[in-house]
Every structure is written in structure tokens, then in C-alpha cells.
Amino acid sequence: MACSGDVPTQETLAAVNWLRRHVPELRVRVVNVVDLMTLPSREMHPHGLDDPTFDSLFTRDRPVVFAYQGCPWLFHRQTYKRTNHPQCHVHGFIEEAPPRRSSTCAC
């Protein structure tokens, strides 16, 4: 599990605490991301982690649940070239719902 932001970090730690009490055989790691610019590669940003370091934190083959106080697409945009990107699931704040389509056809 990964998180960024004060409230998402508190929520993640509470969730991991609950999991460790109720499912002790489950191995869970928490990665707290303080600088979001470490998520993309070094080629994209000077703070970016190299691939081996990123993979050592977020794994190459395990699901990652990322709690974030911002828009989920930002995490995906920063990590889309990373090895484990397809297994990353981001839960964040979506400011506006998409516009509704009319149920009647204007044809």
C-alpha cells in the first residue's frame, strides 16, 4: 500500500493496522510518498527514482493500492512507464463528476 498526503497516510496506516490484526499471514508494505516527483523516471524529472529503486519499493509483480489526496490520473501519468503500472490502483479525490448525457436523443 502506498500513500501521499496527511489524511491518506493516516487512513492507509489504519487500514494496514486492521489488516495486520485480522489477516496476520498477509504481507503488507507501506510506502509513503512525500515528493511526488520521485514517481516518474529520472529521464522525466531530476527527482525521479531509477527503475531498480522504484521496483524495490513498489514491486514488479504485486498489486499496489495508492491513497492520494489529489486526482488519481496524476499518479498514473507519473508512473505509466513503470514496470508494475498495470497493477497500481489509485484512490484519490475527483473534483467534478463527468457531465451527464441527456437520456433523450437530439437526432
Protein backbone atom coordinates (compact mmCIF):
# COMPACT_ATOMS: atom_id res chain seq x y z
CA MET A 1 0.00 0.00 0.00
CA ALA A 2 1.23 3.48 -0.78
CA CYS A 3 0.04 6.93 0.16
CA SER A 4 0.70 10.62 -0.21
CA GLY A 5 -0.76 13.39 1.90
CA ASP A 6 -1.55 13.64 5.60
CA VAL A 7 -5.10 12.23 5.65
CA PRO A 8 -4.44 9.45 3.09
CA THR A 9 -1.38 8.44 5.11
CA GLN A 10 -3.42 8.20 8.32
CA GLU A 11 -6.10 6.20 6.51
CA THR A 12 -3.53 3.87 4.96
CA LEU A 13 -1.81 3.22 8.28
CA ALA A 14 -5.17 2.49 9.91
CA ALA A 15 -6.06 0.07 7.09
CA VAL A 16 -2.71 -1.71 7.35
CA ASN A 17 -3.08 -1.94 11.13
CA TRP A 18 -6.52 -3.54 10.66
CA LEU A 19 -5.16 -5.97 8.04
CA ARG A 20 -2.25 -6.99 10.25
CA ARG A 21 -4.61 -7.71 13.16
CA HIS A 22 -7.22 -9.61 11.12
CA VAL A 23 -5.09 -11.23 8.40
CA PRO A 24 -1.67 -11.69 10.02
CA GLU A 25 -0.41 -14.02 7.29
CA LEU A 26 -0.83 -11.26 4.67
CA ARG A 27 2.39 -9.41 3.95
CA VAL A 28 1.77 -5.69 3.57
CA ARG A 29 4.25 -2.88 2.96
CA VAL A 30 3.55 0.85 3.31
CA VAL A 31 5.33 3.35 1.08
CA ASN A 32 4.73 6.99 2.00
CA VAL A 33 5.48 9.26 -0.96
CA VAL A 34 6.48 12.72 0.23
CA ASP A 35 7.80 14.05 -3.08
CA LEU A 36 5.51 13.11 -5.99
CA MET A 37 8.28 13.97 -8.42
CA THR A 38 10.09 10.78 -7.36
CA LEU A 39 7.41 8.72 -9.16
CA PRO A 40 8.46 9.37 -12.77
CA SER A 41 11.80 8.19 -14.06
CA ARG A 42 14.95 10.30 -13.82
CA GLU A 43 14.65 10.98 -17.54
CA MET A 44 11.34 12.73 -16.88
CA HIS A 45 12.28 14.59 -13.68
CA PRO A 46 15.54 15.12 -11.76
CA HIS A 47 13.95 13.84 -8.51
CA GLY A 48 12.73 10.66 -10.21
CA LEU A 49 13.76 7.26 -8.92
CA ASP A 50 15.71 4.91 -11.14
CA ASP A 51 13.84 1.75 -12.17
CA PRO A 52 15.55 -0.67 -9.75
CA THR A 53 14.83 1.61 -6.77
CA PHE A 54 11.22 2.19 -7.84
CA ASP A 55 10.72 -1.57 -8.32
CA SER A 56 12.25 -2.32 -4.92
CA LEU A 57 9.69 -0.05 -3.26
CA PHE A 58 6.58 -0.73 -5.35
CA THR A 59 7.46 -4.28 -6.54
CA ARG A 60 7.36 -5.59 -10.09
CA ASP A 61 4.52 -8.08 -9.67
CA ARG A 62 2.27 -7.24 -6.70
CA PRO A 63 -0.85 -5.07 -6.54
CA VAL A 64 -0.33 -1.54 -5.26
CA VAL A 65 -3.16 0.45 -3.68
CA PHE A 66 -2.23 4.13 -3.64
CA ALA A 67 -4.21 6.55 -1.45
CA TYR A 68 -3.74 10.08 -2.67
CA GLN A 69 -5.27 13.43 -1.73
CA GLY A 70 -5.19 14.64 -5.33
CA CYS A 71 -6.52 13.48 -8.68
CA PRO A 72 -5.79 9.79 -9.42
CA TRP A 73 -4.77 10.50 -13.02
CA LEU A 74 -1.67 12.35 -11.75
CA PHE A 75 -0.23 9.17 -10.21
CA HIS A 76 -0.98 7.21 -13.38
CA ARG A 77 0.55 9.90 -15.55
CA GLN A 78 3.73 9.95 -13.45
CA THR A 79 4.12 6.15 -13.46
CA TYR A 80 2.77 5.00 -16.83
CA LYS A 81 6.17 3.71 -18.00
CA ARG A 82 6.94 1.84 -14.78
CA THR A 83 7.05 -1.97 -14.73
CA ASN A 84 4.14 -2.51 -12.35
CA HIS A 85 1.89 0.27 -13.61
CA PRO A 86 -0.98 -2.06 -14.66
CA GLN A 87 -1.30 -3.33 -11.08
CA CYS A 88 -1.46 0.13 -9.48
CA HIS A 89 -4.88 1.15 -8.18
CA VAL A 90 -5.24 4.77 -7.12
CA HIS A 91 -7.91 6.09 -4.80
CA GLY A 92 -7.99 9.86 -4.72
CA PHE A 93 -10.09 12.95 -4.93
CA ILE A 94 -12.12 13.59 -8.08
CA GLU A 95 -13.21 17.21 -8.03
CA GLU A 96 -16.07 17.08 -10.51
CA ALA A 97 -18.24 14.32 -11.84
CA PRO A 98 -18.21 13.91 -15.61
CA PRO A 99 -21.01 15.76 -17.38
CA ARG A 100 -24.24 13.83 -17.66
CA ARG A 101 -25.58 12.87 -21.03
CA SER A 102 -29.18 13.51 -21.78
CA SER A 103 -31.35 10.42 -21.87
CA THR A 104 -33.20 11.80 -24.89
CA CYS A 105 -31.75 11.80 -28.34
CA ALA A 106 -31.45 15.10 -30.18
CA CYS A 107 -31.17 13.39 -33.57
